[in-house]
C-alpha cells in the first residue's frame, strides 16, 4: 500500500480547526494559518498536525479536507 500526501511537513497552510479543537481552546470555528508539523495516515484518510501562527497552538489530527496550501500568512 502506498501512502501519499499532497502537502509536506514545514509547509504553510490555511486550515479550519476541528470542532473538538474549538471546544478545547474556546475559539471560534474560523480559518487560520499555520505550519504543518506532522502527517498521519489511516487506511482511508490523511490527517495533519498544524501549529497555528496566531495562537501558537498545536491542532492535531486536522482532516485533509480542511487544509489548503497557503503562500500568505
PDB file of N, CA and C in Angstrom:
ATOM      1  N   UNK A   1       0.838  -1.174   0.000  1.00  0.00           N
ATOM      2  CA  UNK A   1       0.000   0.000   0.000  1.00  0.00           C
ATOM      3  C   UNK A   1       0.888   1.245   0.000  1.00  0.00           C
ATOM      4  N   UNK A   2       0.568   2.204  -0.849  1.00  0.00           N
ATOM      5  CA  UNK A   2       1.355   3.416  -0.966  1.00  0.00           C
ATOM      6  C   UNK A   2       0.604   4.595  -0.335  1.00  0.00           C
ATOM      7  N   UNK A   3       1.242   5.247   0.637  1.00  0.00           N
ATOM      8  CA  UNK A   3       0.650   6.410   1.281  1.00  0.00           C
ATOM      9  C   UNK A   3       1.214   7.675   0.658  1.00  0.00           C
ATOM     10  N   UNK A   4       0.343   8.640   0.365  1.00  0.00           N
ATOM     11  CA  UNK A   4       0.776   9.890  -0.239  1.00  0.00           C
ATOM     12  C   UNK A   4       0.079  11.069   0.411  1.00  0.00           C
ATOM     13  N   UNK A   5       0.776  12.188   0.420  1.00  0.00           N
ATOM     14  CA  UNK A   5       0.227  13.439   0.906  1.00  0.00           C
ATOM     15  C   UNK A   5       0.527  14.514  -0.127  1.00  0.00           C
ATOM     16  N   UNK A   6      -0.430  15.384  -0.350  1.00  0.00           N
ATOM     17  CA  UNK A   6      -0.218  16.490  -1.285  1.00  0.00           C
ATOM     18  C   UNK A   6       0.550  17.632  -0.629  1.00  0.00           C
ATOM     19  N   UNK A   7       0.634  17.607   0.694  1.00  0.00           N
ATOM     20  CA  UNK A   7       1.323  18.640   1.457  1.00  0.00           C
ATOM     21  C   UNK A   7       2.517  18.024   2.167  1.00  0.00           C
ATOM     22  N   UNK A   8       3.412  18.874   2.701  1.00  0.00           N
ATOM     23  CA  UNK A   8       4.604  18.346   3.364  1.00  0.00           C
ATOM     24  C   UNK A   8       4.862  19.050   4.692  1.00  0.00           C
ATOM     25  N   UNK A   9       5.621  18.419   5.538  1.00  0.00           N
ATOM     26  CA  UNK A   9       5.988  18.993   6.825  1.00  0.00           C
ATOM     27  C   UNK A   9       6.762  20.289   6.582  1.00  0.00           C
ATOM     28  N   UNK A  10       6.411  21.318   7.341  1.00  0.00           N
ATOM     29  CA  UNK A  10       7.044  22.619   7.201  1.00  0.00           C
ATOM     30  C   UNK A  10       6.330  23.553   6.237  1.00  0.00           C
ATOM     31  N   UNK A  11       5.317  23.055   5.560  1.00  0.00           N
ATOM     32  CA  UNK A  11       4.590  23.856   4.579  1.00  0.00           C
ATOM     33  C   UNK A  11       3.579  24.770   5.273  1.00  0.00           C
ATOM     34  N   UNK A  12       3.455  26.005   4.775  1.00  0.00           N
ATOM     35  CA  UNK A  12       2.443  26.946   5.270  1.00  0.00           C
ATOM     36  C   UNK A  12       1.090  26.568   4.684  1.00  0.00           C
ATOM     37  N   UNK A  13       0.068  26.589   5.539  1.00  0.00           N
ATOM     38  CA  UNK A  13      -1.273  26.205   5.106  1.00  0.00           C
ATOM     39  C   UNK A  13      -2.332  27.114   5.711  1.00  0.00           C
ATOM     40  N   UNK A  14      -3.482  27.098   5.080  1.00  0.00           N
ATOM     41  CA  UNK A  14      -4.695  27.710   5.615  1.00  0.00           C
ATOM     42  C   UNK A  14      -5.554  26.531   6.062  1.00  0.00           C
ATOM     43  N   UNK A  15      -6.127  26.608   7.262  1.00  0.00           N
ATOM     44  CA  UNK A  15      -6.872  25.449   7.768  1.00  0.00           C
ATOM     45  C   UNK A  15      -8.055  25.873   8.624  1.00  0.00           C
ATOM     46  N   UNK A  16      -9.001  24.956   8.753  1.00  0.00           N
ATOM     47  CA  UNK A  16     -10.107  25.110   9.684  1.00  0.00           C
ATOM     48  C   UNK A  16      -9.903  24.079  10.783  1.00  0.00           C
ATOM     49  N   UNK A  17      -9.871  24.522  12.040  1.00  0.00           N
ATOM     50  CA  UNK A  17      -9.701  23.568  13.125  1.00  0.00           C
ATOM     51  C   UNK A  17     -10.920  22.647  13.229  1.00  0.00           C
ATOM     52  N   UNK A  18     -10.702  21.497  13.826  1.00  0.00           N
ATOM     53  CA  UNK A  18     -11.793  20.564  14.045  1.00  0.00           C
ATOM     54  C   UNK A  18     -12.660  21.107  15.189  1.00  0.00           C
ATOM     55  N   UNK A  19     -13.911  20.671  15.248  1.00  0.00           N
ATOM     56  CA  UNK A  19     -14.829  21.128  16.294  1.00  0.00           C
ATOM     57  C   UNK A  19     -14.268  20.868  17.692  1.00  0.00           C
ATOM     58  N   UNK A  20     -13.589  19.746  17.879  1.00  0.00           N
ATOM     59  CA  UNK A  20     -13.018  19.414  19.191  1.00  0.00           C
ATOM     60  C   UNK A  20     -11.931  20.408  19.598  1.00  0.00           C
ATOM     61  N   UNK A  21     -11.184  20.939  18.633  1.00  0.00           N
ATOM     62  CA  UNK A  21     -10.171  21.945  18.934  1.00  0.00           C
ATOM     63  C   UNK A  21     -10.830  23.238  19.418  1.00  0.00           C
ATOM     64  N   UNK A  22     -11.919  23.620  18.751  1.00  0.00           N
ATOM     65  CA  UNK A  22     -12.627  24.847  19.122  1.00  0.00           C
ATOM     66  C   UNK A  22     -13.152  24.760  20.550  1.00  0.00           C
ATOM     67  N   UNK A  23     -13.717  23.619  20.901  1.00  0.00           N
ATOM     68  CA  UNK A  23     -14.219  23.433  22.262  1.00  0.00           C
ATOM     69  C   UNK A  23     -13.083  23.420  23.276  1.00  0.00           C
ATOM     70  N   UNK A  24     -12.022  22.704  22.975  1.00  0.00           N
ATOM     71  CA  UNK A  24     -10.886  22.574  23.888  1.00  0.00           C
ATOM     72  C   UNK A  24     -10.225  23.917  24.178  1.00  0.00           C
ATOM     73  N   UNK A  25     -10.060  24.756  23.147  1.00  0.00           N
ATOM     74  CA  UNK A  25      -9.344  26.020  23.287  1.00  0.00           C
ATOM     75  C   UNK A  25     -10.276  27.231  23.375  1.00  0.00           C
ATOM     76  N   UNK A  26     -11.591  26.983  23.383  1.00  0.00           N
ATOM     77  CA  UNK A  26     -12.598  28.051  23.445  1.00  0.00           C
ATOM     78  C   UNK A  26     -12.358  29.116  22.361  1.00  0.00           C
ATOM     79  N   UNK A  27     -12.281  28.634  21.126  1.00  0.00           N
ATOM     80  CA  UNK A  27     -12.065  29.534  19.998  1.00  0.00           C
ATOM     81  C   UNK A  27     -13.196  29.375  18.988  1.00  0.00           C
ATOM     82  N   UNK A  28     -13.319  30.353  18.097  1.00  0.00           N
ATOM     83  CA  UNK A  28     -14.325  30.298  17.031  1.00  0.00           C
ATOM     84  C   UNK A  28     -13.906  29.298  15.967  1.00  0.00           C
ATOM     85  N   UNK A  29     -14.894  28.758  15.297  1.00  0.00           N
ATOM     86  CA  UNK A  29     -14.646  27.842  14.190  1.00  0.00           C
ATOM     87  C   UNK A  29     -14.410  28.676  12.942  1.00  0.00           C
ATOM     88  N   UNK A  30     -13.191  29.183  12.795  1.00  0.00           N
ATOM     89  CA  UNK A  30     -12.855  30.004  11.640  1.00  0.00           C
ATOM     90  C   UNK A  30     -11.488  29.602  11.101  1.00  0.00           C
ATOM     91  N   UNK A  31     -11.231  29.994   9.879  1.00  0.00           N
ATOM     92  CA  UNK A  31      -9.973  29.623   9.237  1.00  0.00           C
ATOM     93  C   UNK A  31      -8.794  30.319   9.890  1.00  0.00           C
ATOM     94  N   UNK A  32      -7.671  29.624   9.879  1.00  0.00           N
ATOM     95  CA  UNK A  32      -6.437  30.179  10.399  1.00  0.00           C
ATOM     96  C   UNK A  32      -5.284  29.780   9.496  1.00  0.00           C
ATOM     97  N   UNK A  33      -4.121  30.259   9.836  1.00  0.00           N
ATOM     98  CA  UNK A  33      -2.913  29.932   9.082  1.00  0.00           C
ATOM     99  C   UNK A  33      -1.923  29.264  10.010  1.00  0.00           C
ATOM    100  N   UNK A  34      -1.135  28.353   9.474  1.00  0.00           N
ATOM    101  CA  UNK A  34      -0.149  27.667  10.301  1.00  0.00           C
ATOM    102  C   UNK A  34       0.850  26.895   9.465  1.00  0.00           C
ATOM    103  N   UNK A  35       1.638  26.092  10.183  1.00  0.00           N
ATOM    104  CA  UNK A  35       2.691  25.280   9.577  1.00  0.00           C
ATOM    105  C   UNK A  35       2.429  23.814   9.920  1.00  0.00           C
ATOM    106  N   UNK A  36       2.530  22.946   8.932  1.00  0.00           N
ATOM    107  CA  UNK A  36       2.360  21.504   9.165  1.00  0.00           C
ATOM    108  C   UNK A  36       3.567  20.972   9.933  1.00  0.00           C
ATOM    109  N   UNK A  37       3.300  20.241  11.012  1.00  0.00           N
ATOM    110  CA  UNK A  37       4.374  19.661  11.819  1.00  0.00           C
ATOM    111  C   UNK A  37       4.417  18.137  11.731  1.00  0.00           C
ATOM    112  N   UNK A  38       3.304  17.525  11.312  1.00  0.00           N
ATOM    113  CA  UNK A  38       3.269  16.064  11.191  1.00  0.00           C
ATOM    114  C   UNK A  38       2.171  15.656  10.220  1.00  0.00           C
ATOM    115  N   UNK A  39       2.358  14.496   9.606  1.00  0.00           N
ATOM    116  CA  UNK A  39       1.371  13.934   8.686  1.00  0.00           C
ATOM    117  C   UNK A  39       1.066  12.523   9.163  1.00  0.00           C
ATOM    118  N   UNK A  40      -0.225  12.213   9.276  1.00  0.00           N
ATOM    119  CA  UNK A  40      -0.654  10.896   9.745  1.00  0.00           C
ATOM    120  C   UNK A  40      -1.574  10.265   8.715  1.00  0.00           C
ATOM    121  N   UNK A  41      -1.392   8.976   8.497  1.00  0.00           N
ATOM    122  CA  UNK A  41      -2.171   8.263   7.502  1.00  0.00           C
ATOM    123  C   UNK A  41      -3.028   7.192   8.160  1.00  0.00           C
ATOM    124  N   UNK A  42      -4.249   7.039   7.674  1.00  0.00           N
ATOM    125  CA  UNK A  42      -5.077   5.889   8.018  1.00  0.00           C
ATOM    126  C   UNK A  42      -5.349   5.165   6.698  1.00  0.00           C
ATOM    127  N   UNK A  43      -6.129   4.154   6.756  1.00  0.00           N
ATOM    128  CA  UNK A  43      -6.405   3.397   5.538  1.00  0.00           C
ATOM    129  C   UNK A  43      -7.156   4.242   4.499  1.00  0.00           C
ATOM    130  N   UNK A  44      -7.948   5.198   4.974  1.00  0.00           N
ATOM    131  CA  UNK A  44      -8.775   5.963   4.051  1.00  0.00           C
ATOM    132  C   UNK A  44      -8.563   7.474   4.075  1.00  0.00           C
ATOM    133  N   UNK A  45      -7.805   7.992   5.031  1.00  0.00           N
ATOM    134  CA  UNK A  45      -7.691   9.433   5.205  1.00  0.00           C
ATOM    135  C   UNK A  45      -6.270   9.862   5.508  1.00  0.00           C
ATOM    136  N   UNK A  46      -6.027  11.162   5.301  1.00  0.00           N
ATOM    137  CA  UNK A  46      -4.766  11.789   5.701  1.00  0.00           C
ATOM    138  C   UNK A  46      -5.106  12.893   6.698  1.00  0.00           C
ATOM    139  N   UNK A  47      -4.366  12.944   7.796  1.00  0.00           N
ATOM    140  CA  UNK A  47      -4.559  13.960   8.823  1.00  0.00           C
ATOM    141  C   UNK A  47      -3.248  14.700   9.043  1.00  0.00           C
ATOM    142  N   UNK A  48      -3.369  15.963   9.425  1.00  0.00           N
ATOM    143  CA  UNK A  48      -2.190  16.805   9.629  1.00  0.00           C
ATOM    144  C   UNK A  48      -2.204  17.421  11.025  1.00  0.00           C
ATOM    145  N   UNK A  49      -1.018  17.558  11.605  1.00  0.00           N
ATOM    146  CA  UNK A  49      -0.850  18.352  12.810  1.00  0.00           C
ATOM    147  C   UNK A  49      -0.341  19.708  12.351  1.00  0.00           C
ATOM    148  N   UNK A  50      -0.968  20.764  12.858  1.00  0.00           N
ATOM    149  CA  UNK A  50      -0.633  22.123  12.426  1.00  0.00           C
ATOM    150  C   UNK A  50      -0.398  23.003  13.650  1.00  0.00           C
ATOM    151  N   UNK A  51       0.690  23.769  13.636  1.00  0.00           N
ATOM    152  CA  UNK A  51       0.901  24.785  14.668  1.00  0.00           C
ATOM    153  C   UNK A  51       0.382  26.096  14.098  1.00  0.00           C
ATOM    154  N   UNK A  52      -0.576  26.672  14.798  1.00  0.00           N
ATOM    155  CA  UNK A  52      -1.223  27.890  14.364  1.00  0.00           C
ATOM    156  C   UNK A  52      -0.303  29.096  14.510  1.00  0.00           C
ATOM    157  N   UNK A  53      -0.298  29.970  13.505  1.00  0.00           N
ATOM    158  CA  UNK A  53       0.544  31.170  13.519  1.00  0.00           C
ATOM    159  C   UNK A  53       0.073  32.208  14.535  1.00  0.00           C
ATOM    160  N   UNK A  54      -1.220  32.257  14.819  1.00  0.00           N
ATOM    161  CA  UNK A  54      -1.768  33.296  15.686  1.00  0.00           C
ATOM    162  C   UNK A  54      -1.656  32.944  17.167  1.00  0.00           C
ATOM    163  N   UNK A  55      -2.146  31.754  17.547  1.00  0.00           N
ATOM    164  CA  UNK A  55      -2.145  31.343  18.948  1.00  0.00           C
ATOM    165  C   UNK A  55      -0.895  30.569  19.345  1.00  0.00           C
ATOM    166  N   UNK A  56      -0.229  29.964  18.373  1.00  0.00           N
ATOM    167  CA  UNK A  56       0.900  29.096  18.679  1.00  0.00           C
ATOM    168  C   UNK A  56       0.455  27.766  19.250  1.00  0.00           C
ATOM    169  N   UNK A  57      -0.785  27.393  18.991  1.00  0.00           N
ATOM    170  CA  UNK A  57      -1.348  26.143  19.497  1.00  0.00           C
ATOM    171  C   UNK A  57      -1.172  25.028  18.474  1.00  0.00           C
ATOM    172  N   UNK A  58      -1.040  23.803  18.975  1.00  0.00           N
ATOM    173  CA  UNK A  58      -0.965  22.640  18.102  1.00  0.00           C
ATOM    174  C   UNK A  58      -2.372  22.107  17.875  1.00  0.00           C
ATOM    175  N   UNK A  59      -2.769  22.042  16.625  1.00  0.00           N
ATOM    176  CA  UNK A  59      -4.042  21.458  16.235  1.00  0.00           C
ATOM    177  C   UNK A  59      -3.728  20.100  15.630  1.00  0.00           C
ATOM    178  N   UNK A  60      -3.982  19.048  16.393  1.00  0.00           N
ATOM    179  CA  UNK A  60      -3.613  17.697  15.966  1.00  0.00           C
ATOM    180  C   UNK A  60      -4.747  17.036  15.196  1.00  0.00           C
ATOM    181  N   UNK A  61      -4.386  16.230  14.236  1.00  0.00           N
ATOM    182  CA  UNK A  61      -5.366  15.433  13.504  1.00  0.00           C
ATOM    183  C   UNK A  61      -6.378  16.240  12.708  1.00  0.00           C
ATOM    184  N   UNK A  62      -5.924  17.305  12.054  1.00  0.00           N
ATOM    185  CA  UNK A  62      -6.825  18.098  11.215  1.00  0.00           C
ATOM    186  C   UNK A  62      -7.059  17.331   9.909  1.00  0.00           C
ATOM    187  N   UNK A  63      -8.313  17.129   9.573  1.00  0.00           N
ATOM    188  CA  UNK A  63      -8.695  16.390   8.367  1.00  0.00           C
ATOM    189  C   UNK A  63      -8.149  17.089   7.125  1.00  0.00           C
ATOM    190  N   UNK A  64      -7.657  16.310   6.184  1.00  0.00           N
ATOM    191  CA  UNK A  64      -7.079  16.863   4.955  1.00  0.00           C
ATOM    192  C   UNK A  64      -8.090  17.708   4.171  1.00  0.00           C
ATOM    193  N   UNK A  65      -9.372  17.470   4.365  1.00  0.00           N
ATOM    194  CA  UNK A  65     -10.406  18.256   3.684  1.00  0.00           C
ATOM    195  C   UNK A  65     -10.456  19.686   4.203  1.00  0.00           C
ATOM    196  N   UNK A  66      -9.865  19.935   5.371  1.00  0.00           N
ATOM    197  CA  UNK A  66      -9.905  21.256   5.995  1.00  0.00           C
ATOM    198  C   UNK A  66      -8.602  22.025   5.853  1.00  0.00           C
ATOM    199  N   UNK A  67      -7.732  21.587   4.956  1.00  0.00           N
ATOM    200  CA  UNK A  67      -6.426  22.225   4.796  1.00  0.00           C
ATOM    201  C   UNK A  67      -6.140  22.493   3.322  1.00  0.00           C
ATOM    202  N   UNK A  68      -5.622  23.711   3.042  1.00  0.00           N
ATOM    203  CA  UNK A  68      -5.174  24.040   1.696  1.00  0.00           C
ATOM    204  C   UNK A  68      -3.806  24.745   1.798  1.00  0.00           C
ATOM    205  N   UNK A  69      -2.968  24.599   0.792  1.00  0.00           N
ATOM    206  CA  UNK A  69      -1.675  25.284   0.810  1.00  0.00           C
ATOM    207  C   UNK A  69      -1.863  26.795   0.849  1.00  0.00           C
ATOM    208  N   UNK A  70      -0.932  27.484   1.470  1.00  0.00           N
ATOM    209  CA  UNK A  70      -1.006  28.936   1.554  1.00  0.00           C
ATOM    210  C   UNK A  70       0.376  29.536   1.377  1.00  0.00           C
ATOM    211  N   UNK A  71       0.455  30.594   0.596  1.00  0.00           N
ATOM    212  CA  UNK A  71       1.710  31.293   0.442  1.00  0.00           C
ATOM    213  C   UNK A  71       1.701  32.573   1.266  1.00  0.00           C
ATOM    214  N   UNK A  72       0.513  32.974   1.718  1.00  0.00           N
ATOM    215  CA  UNK A  72       0.347  34.198   2.511  1.00  0.00           C
ATOM    216  C   UNK A  72      -0.051  33.834   3.921  1.00  0.00           C
ATOM    217  N   UNK A  73       0.575  34.450   4.904  1.00  0.00           N
ATOM    218  CA  UNK A  73       0.215  34.201   6.302  1.00  0.00           C
ATOM    219  C   UNK A  73      -0.697  35.289   6.793  1.00  0.00           C
TER     220      UNK A  73
END
